[in-house]
Amino acid sequence: MEGINRVVITGELAGDSTFGHAAGGTTVATFTLAFPCDPGKQGNESRKKGFVDIIFFGVEASRWAALLKKGRKVVIEGKLQQRNWRTLEGINRSKTEIIAQKIECYNSSEGKRELHSIK
């Protein structure tokens, strides 16, 4: 049986996105998403936040890297990826990331939505 690997998460960018090229020349934008872990109490703005790295591959990654700035609210749809590696010191490390397949970006000043999908 094949498993389901789908994530939908909303939050705001913890910092500006970066743009570069992966091995083989594929364009890629990366950023960290801050998301609420705890709904908190009504009127209490000090909610706990979690952080997850997002990777966005595609020909429009450079355009999106320019739009995705710190504090911008987004909805991400994608799949989980886990990477494992060993450091030069011999320590095993792992990291869970989201590979974005769809980004919905909100322009808070205008309440406007910008939508992009990768096929």
Foldseek 3Di string as FASTA:
>chain_A
DDDDFKDKFKAAFQFQWDWDADPVGWIKIKTKGWGFPDPDDVPDPPTDIDIAMEMETDPCRVVVSVVRGGGWIKIFMFGKDKDWDADPVRRIDMGIHGYGQKMWTADVVVRDIDIDGHD
